Amino acid sequence: MKAEEICAIFFLPFSFVTIQTNKEFIMKNGVIVLILFVFIISPIHAKDIELEPRIGVSTSPYNGWGLNLSGMASFGVSSLFYIQGGFLLNTVKPDSYSNVLDLDIPVYASFRIPVKNTKIRLNAGPYVKFNNYTAIGISAEGGVEYKRFYAGLSYFQNCTQHHEILFNLSVGYKFKVR
């Protein structure tokens, strides 16, 4: 399946009013509204709230290697399901016209599967990118949580510029807020 098809399927619910409007405009605004909703409503109803600073390396198949710094906030809905949002700053330039730093803001549906003394995390959701331009995309992440430590690999696919792909390998430490 091509990146364009994956993006079209994922963002279909956000494009229901596209009869005579610009699809890209509707999709961007739909994702931004979703992100605002998660950050405003989720903390109110969350059973657990966790903060997780991370650091790691990033790579793009087209533009080499760089570093990343990120912070995630998790809002527990149940013991197995969390809503997770945050930010990711990375130094990999997606194209020759971009600034040195990229800011990606993902919102994940996060599933945490307990396996003995660890938890397997599977996350997926949309993200918004801010650079010299604004873009939307889809991202997925998988990782392992041991006690309060986390190590994971994430994938970001830009849906407005399909050649833009980013992989991140990060480690982090989880702080319980509530």
Foldseek 3Di string as FASTA:
>chain_A
DAQLVVFCVQQVVQQPPVPPDDSQVSSVVSVVVVVVCCVPPQVVQFPWKKKKWKKWKKQAPVFGIWIKTKMKIWGHPDPFWIWMKIWMWIQGDQDPVWDRIKIKIWIWTWGWDDDVQKTKIKIKGKIWIDTVDIFIWIKIKIWMGGPFKIWIKMWTATNVDRSGIMIITMIIGMDIPD
